[in-house]
Each structure stands twice: as C-alpha cells, then as structure tokens.
Amino acid sequence: MSSQGEGDDADQSKTGLTGRMDTADSTDGRKPYEWKSRYDGAWRQIIFEAAYTVFVALLSMLLIYLVWRSCPAILGYKNSI
C-alpha cells in the first residue's frame, strides 16, 4: 500500500521551490548576445520616475523640517534658549 506523499519528492525535484517547471532556456526567445531592450522609452521613463521620487522625498523632508521649526511659534511657546 503506497501513501499519497511518495510521489511528492519526485515532483518537487523537478519544480523546485517555486512550484513551476524549471527550464534551461532563460533567453526569453532571443538570440545569444541580443541584449538591447525591446522597450524604446524605458530609460527615459525610469529616469523621470527616479527624479520625481527624489523630488517628492526632498519636498517631504523640507516640509517636515519647516513644520518642526515653526511648531513652537504656532503653539505660542517662547524660545527658552
């Protein structure tokens, strides 16, 4: 009498941890040394999004600093230094 889990080891060795069949072809259907991106404007969009992200982060830090520095004045505290 065989248990239900006996075939699981063989199946797992073929599929690995991901649960998908591993293939030797990882070229995405391309010829060797065909490395150029298929997306023409990809770098332009990546650079734009990176600049936007840096801008938003710097603006956020500036606004946090301004609120932190002016918070005592807004609340009516006197400078004790």
PDB file of N, CA and C in Angstrom:
ATOM      1  N   MET A   1       0.842  -1.176   0.000  1.00  0.00           N
ATOM      2  CA  MET A   1       0.000   0.000   0.000  1.00  0.00           C
ATOM      3  C   MET A   1       0.889   1.242   0.000  1.00  0.00           C
ATOM      4  N   SER A   2       0.731   2.114  -0.959  1.00  0.00           N
ATOM      5  CA  SER A   2       1.584   3.300  -1.021  1.00  0.00           C
ATOM      6  C   SER A   2       0.834   4.498  -0.460  1.00  0.00           C
ATOM      7  N   SER A   3       1.618   5.359   0.167  1.00  0.00           N
ATOM      8  CA  SER A   3       0.996   6.562   0.728  1.00  0.00           C
ATOM      9  C   SER A   3       0.886   7.617  -0.373  1.00  0.00           C
ATOM     10  N   GLN A   4       0.091   8.574  -0.102  1.00  0.00           N
ATOM     11  CA  GLN A   4      -0.167   9.602  -1.097  1.00  0.00           C
ATOM     12  C   GLN A   4       1.045  10.521  -1.291  1.00  0.00           C
ATOM     13  N   GLY A   5       1.911  10.674  -0.300  1.00  0.00           N
ATOM     14  CA  GLY A   5       3.022  11.607  -0.371  1.00  0.00           C
ATOM     15  C   GLY A   5       4.268  11.069  -1.020  1.00  0.00           C
ATOM     16  N   GLU A   6       4.313   9.810  -1.475  1.00  0.00           N
ATOM     17  CA  GLU A   6       5.526   9.251  -2.051  1.00  0.00           C
ATOM     18  C   GLU A   6       5.928   9.936  -3.347  1.00  0.00           C
ATOM     19  N   GLY A   7       5.028  10.285  -4.169  1.00  0.00           N
ATOM     20  CA  GLY A   7       5.347  10.919  -5.443  1.00  0.00           C
ATOM     21  C   GLY A   7       5.678  12.395  -5.317  1.00  0.00           C
ATOM     22  N   ASP A   8       5.457  12.975  -4.164  1.00  0.00           N
ATOM     23  CA  ASP A   8       5.703  14.402  -3.987  1.00  0.00           C
ATOM     24  C   ASP A   8       7.177  14.757  -4.095  1.00  0.00           C
ATOM     25  N   ASP A   9       8.087  13.866  -3.621  1.00  0.00           N
ATOM     26  CA  ASP A   9       9.510  14.160  -3.678  1.00  0.00           C
ATOM     27  C   ASP A   9       9.995  14.266  -5.111  1.00  0.00           C
ATOM     28  N   ALA A  10       9.550  13.395  -5.971  1.00  0.00           N
ATOM     29  CA  ALA A  10       9.955  13.432  -7.375  1.00  0.00           C
ATOM     30  C   ALA A  10       9.425  14.687  -8.053  1.00  0.00           C
ATOM     31  N   ASP A  11       8.199  15.041  -7.758  1.00  0.00           N
ATOM     32  CA  ASP A  11       7.620  16.239  -8.357  1.00  0.00           C
ATOM     33  C   ASP A  11       8.339  17.496  -7.877  1.00  0.00           C
ATOM     34  N   GLN A  12       8.719  17.531  -6.612  1.00  0.00           N
ATOM     35  CA  GLN A  12       9.367  18.712  -6.066  1.00  0.00           C
ATOM     36  C   GLN A  12      10.764  18.896  -6.649  1.00  0.00           C
ATOM     37  N   SER A  13      11.459  17.819  -6.966  1.00  0.00           N
ATOM     38  CA  SER A  13      12.803  17.953  -7.537  1.00  0.00           C
ATOM     39  C   SER A  13      12.746  18.584  -8.924  1.00  0.00           C
ATOM     40  N   LYS A  14      11.669  18.387  -9.646  1.00  0.00           N
ATOM     41  CA  LYS A  14      11.535  18.984 -10.974  1.00  0.00           C
ATOM     42  C   LYS A  14      11.075  20.440 -10.902  1.00  0.00           C
ATOM     43  N   THR A  15      10.242  20.746  -9.950  1.00  0.00           N
ATOM     44  CA  THR A  15       9.659  22.076  -9.900  1.00  0.00           C
ATOM     45  C   THR A  15      10.411  23.027  -9.006  1.00  0.00           C
ATOM     46  N   GLY A  16      11.222  22.553  -8.079  1.00  0.00           N
ATOM     47  CA  GLY A  16      11.940  23.439  -7.167  1.00  0.00           C
ATOM     48  C   GLY A  16      10.994  24.040  -6.147  1.00  0.00           C
ATOM     49  N   LEU A  17      11.410  25.135  -5.553  1.00  0.00           N
ATOM     50  CA  LEU A  17      10.615  25.769  -4.506  1.00  0.00           C
ATOM     51  C   LEU A  17       9.506  26.653  -5.060  1.00  0.00           C
ATOM     52  N   THR A  18       9.609  27.043  -6.314  1.00  0.00           N
ATOM     53  CA  THR A  18       8.642  27.973  -6.877  1.00  0.00           C
ATOM     54  C   THR A  18       7.350  27.299  -7.306  1.00  0.00           C
ATOM     55  N   GLY A  19       7.388  25.990  -7.501  1.00  0.00           N
ATOM     56  CA  GLY A  19       6.191  25.302  -7.946  1.00  0.00           C
ATOM     57  C   GLY A  19       6.029  25.318  -9.444  1.00  0.00           C
ATOM     58  N   ARG A  20       6.994  25.915 -10.163  1.00  0.00           N
ATOM     59  CA  ARG A  20       6.949  25.956 -11.620  1.00  0.00           C
ATOM     60  C   ARG A  20       8.052  25.068 -12.170  1.00  0.00           C
ATOM     61  N   MET A  21       7.868  24.616 -13.370  1.00  0.00           N
ATOM     62  CA  MET A  21       8.894  23.796 -14.012  1.00  0.00           C
ATOM     63  C   MET A  21      10.087  24.681 -14.355  1.00  0.00           C
ATOM     64  N   ASP A  22      11.282  24.244 -13.973  1.00  0.00           N
ATOM     65  CA  ASP A  22      12.495  24.965 -14.323  1.00  0.00           C
ATOM     66  C   ASP A  22      12.867  24.635 -15.754  1.00  0.00           C
ATOM     67  N   THR A  23      13.232  25.656 -16.513  1.00  0.00           N
ATOM     68  CA  THR A  23      13.643  25.432 -17.888  1.00  0.00           C
ATOM     69  C   THR A  23      15.073  25.895 -18.062  1.00  0.00           C
ATOM     70  N   ALA A  24      15.774  25.271 -18.964  1.00  0.00           N
ATOM     71  CA  ALA A  24      17.155  25.649 -19.237  1.00  0.00           C
ATOM     72  C   ALA A  24      17.212  26.887 -20.126  1.00  0.00           C
ATOM     73  N   ASP A  25      16.132  27.194 -20.826  1.00  0.00           N
ATOM     74  CA  ASP A  25      16.112  28.333 -21.735  1.00  0.00           C
ATOM     75  C   ASP A  25      15.616  29.569 -21.006  1.00  0.00           C
ATOM     76  N   SER A  26      16.537  30.438 -20.622  1.00  0.00           N
ATOM     77  CA  SER A  26      16.145  31.677 -19.965  1.00  0.00           C
ATOM     78  C   SER A  26      16.432  32.877 -20.859  1.00  0.00           C
ATOM     79  N   THR A  27      16.400  32.680 -22.167  1.00  0.00           N
ATOM     80  CA  THR A  27      16.730  33.743 -23.110  1.00  0.00           C
ATOM     81  C   THR A  27      15.519  34.561 -23.527  1.00  0.00           C
ATOM     82  N   ASP A  28      14.354  34.185 -23.088  1.00  0.00           N
ATOM     83  CA  ASP A  28      13.135  34.909 -23.443  1.00  0.00           C
ATOM     84  C   ASP A  28      12.909  34.909 -24.950  1.00  0.00           C
ATOM     85  N   GLY A  29      13.355  33.836 -25.603  1.00  0.00           N
ATOM     86  CA  GLY A  29      13.157  33.708 -27.038  1.00  0.00           C
ATOM     87  C   GLY A  29      14.104  34.538 -27.875  1.00  0.00           C
ATOM     88  N   ARG A  30      15.180  35.071 -27.283  1.00  0.00           N
ATOM     89  CA  ARG A  30      16.126  35.898 -28.021  1.00  0.00           C
ATOM     90  C   ARG A  30      17.338  35.092 -28.457  1.00  0.00           C
ATOM     91  N   LYS A  31      18.047  35.641 -29.431  1.00  0.00           N
ATOM     92  CA  LYS A  31      19.290  35.033 -29.881  1.00  0.00           C
ATOM     93  C   LYS A  31      20.386  35.387 -28.870  1.00  0.00           C
ATOM     94  N   PRO A  32      21.466  34.616 -28.840  1.00  0.00           N
ATOM     95  CA  PRO A  32      22.584  34.952 -27.945  1.00  0.00           C
ATOM     96  C   PRO A  32      23.136  36.348 -28.249  1.00  0.00           C
ATOM     97  N   TYR A  33      23.473  37.078 -27.212  1.00  0.00           N
ATOM     98  CA  TYR A  33      24.024  38.440 -27.266  1.00  0.00           C
ATOM     99  C   TYR A  33      23.033  39.470 -27.771  1.00  0.00           C
ATOM    100  N   GLU A  34      21.767  39.145 -27.810  1.00  0.00           N
ATOM    101  CA  GLU A  34      20.735  40.127 -28.161  1.00  0.00           C
ATOM    102  C   GLU A  34      20.236  40.722 -26.842  1.00  0.00           C
ATOM    103  N   TRP A  35      20.925  41.758 -26.390  1.00  0.00           N
ATOM    104  CA  TRP A  35      20.681  42.283 -25.058  1.00  0.00           C
ATOM    105  C   TRP A  35      19.908  43.589 -25.053  1.00  0.00           C
ATOM    106  N   LYS A  36      19.763  44.240 -26.176  1.00  0.00           N
ATOM    107  CA  LYS A  36      19.103  45.539 -26.214  1.00  0.00           C
ATOM    108  C   LYS A  36      17.632  45.414 -25.816  1.00  0.00           C
ATOM    109  N   SER A  37      17.161  46.384 -25.068  1.00  0.00           N
ATOM    110  CA  SER A  37      15.792  46.358 -24.574  1.00  0.00           C
ATOM    111  C   SER A  37      14.782  46.476 -25.709  1.00  0.00           C
ATOM    112  N   ARG A  38      13.674  45.834 -25.539  1.00  0.00           N
ATOM    113  CA  ARG A  38      12.596  45.931 -26.529  1.00  0.00           C
ATOM    114  C   ARG A  38      11.733  47.163 -26.287  1.00  0.00           C
ATOM    115  N   TYR A  39      11.944  47.818 -25.168  1.00  0.00           N
ATOM    116  CA  TYR A  39      11.163  48.995 -24.804  1.00  0.00           C
ATOM    117  C   TYR A  39      11.988  50.238 -25.111  1.00  0.00           C
ATOM    118  N   ASP A  40      11.552  51.010 -26.101  1.00  0.00           N
ATOM    119  CA  ASP A  40      12.335  52.157 -26.564  1.00  0.00           C
ATOM    120  C   ASP A  40      12.470  53.251 -25.499  1.00  0.00           C
ATOM    121  N   GLY A  41      11.403  53.641 -24.865  1.00  0.00           N
ATOM    122  CA  GLY A  41      11.447  54.750 -23.915  1.00  0.00           C
ATOM    123  C   GLY A  41      11.599  54.336 -22.470  1.00  0.00           C
ATOM    124  N   ALA A  42      12.102  53.153 -22.218  1.00  0.00           N
ATOM    125  CA  ALA A  42      12.162  52.648 -20.841  1.00  0.00           C
ATOM    126  C   ALA A  42      13.106  53.476 -19.978  1.00  0.00           C
ATOM    127  N   TRP A  43      14.322  53.757 -20.463  1.00  0.00           N
ATOM    128  CA  TRP A  43      15.270  54.515 -19.641  1.00  0.00           C
ATOM    129  C   TRP A  43      14.778  55.921 -19.363  1.00  0.00           C
ATOM    130  N   ARG A  44      14.151  56.537 -20.331  1.00  0.00           N
ATOM    131  CA  ARG A  44      13.613  57.885 -20.128  1.00  0.00           C
ATOM    132  C   ARG A  44      12.559  57.878 -19.027  1.00  0.00           C
ATOM    133  N   GLN A  45      11.695  56.900 -19.031  1.00  0.00           N
ATOM    134  CA  GLN A  45      10.661  56.816 -18.015  1.00  0.00           C
ATOM    135  C   GLN A  45      11.247  56.471 -16.643  1.00  0.00           C
ATOM    136  N   ILE A  46      12.256  55.601 -16.607  1.00  0.00           N
ATOM    137  CA  ILE A  46      12.897  55.253 -15.339  1.00  0.00           C
ATOM    138  C   ILE A  46      13.569  56.479 -14.732  1.00  0.00           C
ATOM    139  N   ILE A  47      14.280  57.256 -15.540  1.00  0.00           N
ATOM    140  CA  ILE A  47      14.955  58.457 -15.045  1.00  0.00           C
ATOM    141  C   ILE A  47      13.938  59.483 -14.572  1.00  0.00           C
ATOM    142  N   PHE A  48      12.844  59.654 -15.310  1.00  0.00           N
ATOM    143  CA  PHE A  48      11.807  60.596 -14.897  1.00  0.00           C
ATOM    144  C   PHE A  48      11.195  60.184 -13.557  1.00  0.00           C
ATOM    145  N   GLU A  49      10.891  58.903 -13.400  1.00  0.00           N
ATOM    146  CA  GLU A  49      10.296  58.440 -12.150  1.00  0.00           C
ATOM    147  C   GLU A  49      11.277  58.550 -10.985  1.00  0.00           C
ATOM    148  N   ALA A  50      12.560  58.314 -11.244  1.00  0.00           N
ATOM    149  CA  ALA A  50      13.565  58.456 -10.186  1.00  0.00           C
ATOM    150  C   ALA A  50      13.688  59.919  -9.762  1.00  0.00           C
ATOM    151  N   ALA A  51      13.704  60.833 -10.711  1.00  0.00           N
ATOM    152  CA  ALA A  51      13.779  62.267 -10.390  1.00  0.00           C
ATOM    153  C   ALA A  51      12.537  62.710  -9.632  1.00  0.00           C
ATOM    154  N   TYR A  52      11.384  62.244 -10.039  1.00  0.00           N
ATOM    155  CA  TYR A  52      10.146  62.579  -9.342  1.00  0.00           C
ATOM    156  C   TYR A  52      10.159  62.060  -7.906  1.00  0.00           C
ATOM    157  N   THR A  53      10.644  60.832  -7.721  1.00  0.00           N
ATOM    158  CA  THR A  53      10.699  60.247  -6.383  1.00  0.00           C
ATOM    159  C   THR A  53      11.647  61.031  -5.485  1.00  0.00           C
ATOM    160  N   VAL A  54      12.810  61.416  -6.011  1.00  0.00           N
ATOM    161  CA  VAL A  54      13.759  62.211  -5.230  1.00  0.00           C
ATOM    162  C   VAL A  54      13.149  63.567  -4.903  1.00  0.00           C
ATOM    163  N   PHE A  55      12.477  64.190  -5.852  1.00  0.00           N
ATOM    164  CA  PHE A  55      11.835  65.481  -5.610  1.00  0.00           C
ATOM    165  C   PHE A  55      10.788  65.383  -4.501  1.00  0.00           C
ATOM    166  N   VAL A  56       9.939  64.379  -4.555  1.00  0.00           N
ATOM    167  CA  VAL A  56       8.903  64.211  -3.532  1.00  0.00           C
ATOM    168  C   VAL A  56       9.531  63.946  -2.168  1.00  0.00           C
ATOM    169  N   ALA A  57      10.599  63.144  -2.121  1.00  0.00           N
ATOM    170  CA  ALA A  57      11.257  62.854  -0.845  1.00  0.00           C
ATOM    171  C   ALA A  57      11.882  64.115  -0.259  1.00  0.00           C
ATOM    172  N   LEU A  58      12.574  64.909  -1.084  1.00  0.00           N
ATOM    173  CA  LEU A  58      13.191  66.144  -0.592  1.00  0.00           C
ATOM    174  C   LEU A  58      12.144  67.163  -0.161  1.00  0.00           C
ATOM    175  N   LEU A  59      11.078  67.286  -0.928  1.00  0.00           N
ATOM    176  CA  LEU A  59       9.997  68.200  -0.557  1.00  0.00           C
ATOM    177  C   LEU A  59       9.360  67.784   0.763  1.00  0.00           C
ATOM    178  N   SER A  60       9.173  66.490   0.950  1.00  0.00           N
ATOM    179  CA  SER A  60       8.592  65.999   2.202  1.00  0.00           C
ATOM    180  C   SER A  60       9.496  66.308   3.385  1.00  0.00           C
ATOM    181  N   MET A  61      10.799  66.075   3.211  1.00  0.00           N
ATOM    182  CA  MET A  61      11.734  66.371   4.303  1.00  0.00           C
ATOM    183  C   MET A  61      11.766  67.865   4.610  1.00  0.00           C
ATOM    184  N   LEU A  62      11.713  68.701   3.577  1.00  0.00           N
ATOM    185  CA  LEU A  62      11.695  70.149   3.791  1.00  0.00           C
ATOM    186  C   LEU A  62      10.436  70.576   4.540  1.00  0.00           C
ATOM    187  N   LEU A  63       9.305  70.058   4.143  1.00  0.00           N
ATOM    188  CA  LEU A  63       8.061  70.420   4.819  1.00  0.00           C
ATOM    189  C   LEU A  63       8.036  69.927   6.266  1.00  0.00           C
ATOM    190  N   ILE A  64       8.553  68.739   6.511  1.00  0.00           N
ATOM    191  CA  ILE A  64       8.629  68.236   7.887  1.00  0.00           C
ATOM    192  C   ILE A  64       9.533  69.146   8.720  1.00  0.00           C
ATOM    193  N   TYR A  65      10.673  69.559   8.149  1.00  0.00           N
ATOM    194  CA  TYR A  65      11.584  70.452   8.862  1.00  0.00           C
ATOM    195  C   TYR A  65      10.908  71.792   9.157  1.00  0.00           C
ATOM    196  N   LEU A  66      10.222  72.367   8.179  1.00  0.00           N
ATOM    197  CA  LEU A  66       9.558  73.655   8.387  1.00  0.00           C
ATOM    198  C   LEU A  66       8.474  73.566   9.455  1.00  0.00           C
ATOM    199  N   VAL A  67       7.718  72.501   9.459  1.00  0.00           N
ATOM    200  CA  VAL A  67       6.687  72.330  10.485  1.00  0.00           C
ATOM    201  C   VAL A  67       7.337  72.144  11.852  1.00  0.00           C
ATOM    202  N   TRP A  68       8.420  71.389  11.911  1.00  0.00           N
ATOM    203  CA  TRP A  68       9.112  71.144  13.173  1.00  0.00           C
ATOM    204  C   TRP A  68       9.695  72.442  13.736  1.00  0.00           C
ATOM    205  N   ARG A  69      10.261  73.296  12.858  1.00  0.00           N
ATOM    206  CA  ARG A  69      10.868  74.544  13.321  1.00  0.00           C
ATOM    207  C   ARG A  69       9.829  75.583  13.707  1.00  0.00           C
ATOM    208  N   SER A  70       8.691  75.606  13.051  1.00  0.00           N
ATOM    209  CA  SER A  70       7.700  76.638  13.336  1.00  0.00           C
ATOM    210  C   SER A  70       6.614  76.158  14.291  1.00  0.00           C
ATOM    211  N   CYS A  71       6.632  74.917  14.682  1.00  0.00           N
ATOM    212  CA  CYS A  71       5.599  74.396  15.570  1.00  0.00           C
ATOM    213  C   CYS A  71       5.570  75.104  16.918  1.00  0.00           C
ATOM    214  N   PRO A  72       6.694  75.369  17.589  1.00  0.00           N
ATOM    215  CA  PRO A  72       6.629  76.095  18.859  1.00  0.00           C
ATOM    216  C   PRO A  72       6.049  77.496  18.699  1.00  0.00           C
ATOM    217  N   ALA A  73       6.355  78.181  17.601  1.00  0.00           N
ATOM    218  CA  ALA A  73       5.819  79.523  17.387  1.00  0.00           C
ATOM    219  C   ALA A  73       4.313  79.466  17.151  1.00  0.00           C
ATOM    220  N   ILE A  74       3.869  78.462  16.453  1.00  0.00           N
ATOM    221  CA  ILE A  74       2.442  78.337  16.181  1.00  0.00           C
ATOM    222  C   ILE A  74       1.676  78.051  17.462  1.00  0.00           C
ATOM    223  N   LEU A  75       2.270  77.229  18.335  1.00  0.00           N
ATOM    224  CA  LEU A  75       1.608  76.858  19.585  1.00  0.00           C
ATOM    225  C   LEU A  75       1.774  77.887  20.686  1.00  0.00           C
ATOM    226  N   GLY A  76       2.579  78.919  20.446  1.00  0.00           N
ATOM    227  CA  GLY A  76       2.717  80.003  21.409  1.00  0.00           C
ATOM    228  C   GLY A  76       3.809  79.801  22.443  1.00  0.00           C
ATOM    229  N   TYR A  77       4.683  78.853  22.247  1.00  0.00           N
ATOM    230  CA  TYR A  77       5.807  78.648  23.174  1.00  0.00           C
ATOM    231  C   TYR A  77       6.870  79.696  22.921  1.00  0.00           C
ATOM    232  N   LYS A  78       7.498  80.153  24.005  1.00  0.00           N
ATOM    233  CA  LYS A  78       8.601  81.122  23.867  1.00  0.00           C
ATOM    234  C   LYS A  78       9.916  80.351  23.746  1.00  0.00           C
ATOM    235  N   ASN A  79      10.858  80.950  23.070  1.00  0.00           N
ATOM    236  CA  ASN A  79      12.166  80.335  22.910  1.00  0.00           C
ATOM    237  C   ASN A  79      12.911  80.413  24.238  1.00  0.00           C
ATOM    238  N   SER A  80      13.274  79.273  24.810  1.00  0.00           N
ATOM    239  CA  SER A  80      13.912  79.249  26.117  1.00  0.00           C
ATOM    240  C   SER A  80      15.428  79.251  26.020  1.00  0.00           C
ATOM    241  N   ILE A  81      15.973  79.303  24.832  1.00  0.00           N
ATOM    242  CA  ILE A  81      17.436  79.262  24.694  1.00  0.00           C
ATOM    243  C   ILE A  81      18.022  80.645  24.738  1.00  0.00           C
TER     244      ILE A  81
END
